[in-house]
Amino acid sequence: MAAEGDAIHRARGRTLTAFRQDDEYQWKGPFYFIQGADPQFGLMKAWAVGDTNNGDDEWGEEIKLAEQAVQAINKLNPKPKFFVLCGDLIHGMPGTQWRKDQEQDLKNVLKNTDQDIPLVFVSGNHDIGNTPTRETIDNYCKNWGDDYFSFWVGGVFFLVLNSQLYFDSSKCPELKQAQDVWLNEQLAVAEKRKCKHIIVFQHIPLFLRKPDEDHDYFNLEKSVRQEIMEKFHKAGIKAVFSGHYHRNAGGFYRELEMVVSSAIGCQLGEDPHGLRVVVVTDEKIVHRYYSLNELSSQGIEKELLDMLAKQN
């Protein structure tokens, strides 16, 4: 799958090497991908014992759930174009005791993903810290690939962002500035290329239900959010997919849809452990959240498969 030694594709040079850009600029008809979030090895035990700083010394339950996710994805027919994990790959914060073991165990599960289904990794706050530094981001990049990058699939432009830089970049302001410059360049490219859709992946949602809701741990600060939403709207971005909330949520800012997917791992609400199936057609982006059990046993429902069968 890759020459990295642990059989995991990584984004390098701010793009995803699994897709040859020149082959992917053109629209070739409907396709779909799988979005997951927050496998977060270690949180279930930490949450259960009420110690989210040090209680993450077991993650057997999360290993089983991640294995179930991979098995469900491998069975799907037709195959998804890729599988994106929207952050909080593991629970252990940078510098904590169990982090390396959690990362290794997650890699061991993910390397069983069908080799024709590229993995796309998004950095979350547990992956690089609530207040990231150059060092924590460098360590993440060594393990999982670039913290932000773009790629094309079938005429659709995908942007992966490091949302932690929007949450608190106080220890690495120059890295936030670099991502901002890069993002403006990417949006200019997208406009020039006349892509079919632009879709964004990030860990922290812009908002959970309403664009003007109050700021808390699970969304971005209001002024930051407003600036990003307006930029995305002007650029014609159709949807932002995120995790972080460990519950399903979402809403609209004008024509921009904010999609918040619940976790593969620990649930903080009433949702089941699951994955989101996202179908991209000529006109629209349609998505549905499936429990792991549902996706394992029944696969994708007929309505979505019919959309994929319609060639434009």
Foldseek 3Di string as FASTA:
>chain_A
DDPPPLQAFAAAPQEGVLDDQVVFQAAFFKAKEWEAEALAQQQVQCVVVVHLQARRPHRPVSLVLLLLLLLLQQPFPPHHQAYEYAENQHSAAPPDDCVVVSLVSSSNSVSPRPSNHHYHYEYDCRQQHLAHAPVSQVVSCVRHNHNWHWGGHNLEIETHHECSCQAHPPRPVVVNVVVVVVVVVVLVVCVVSVGLAYEYGHAAWCDFEDLQDDDDPRHGHNVSSVVVLVVCVVSRHQEYEYERQLPWGWYDDVRYTYTYDHHSHDHPDDDANWMKMWMDGSHDIDIDTDHSVCSNPPNDDPVRVVSRPDGD
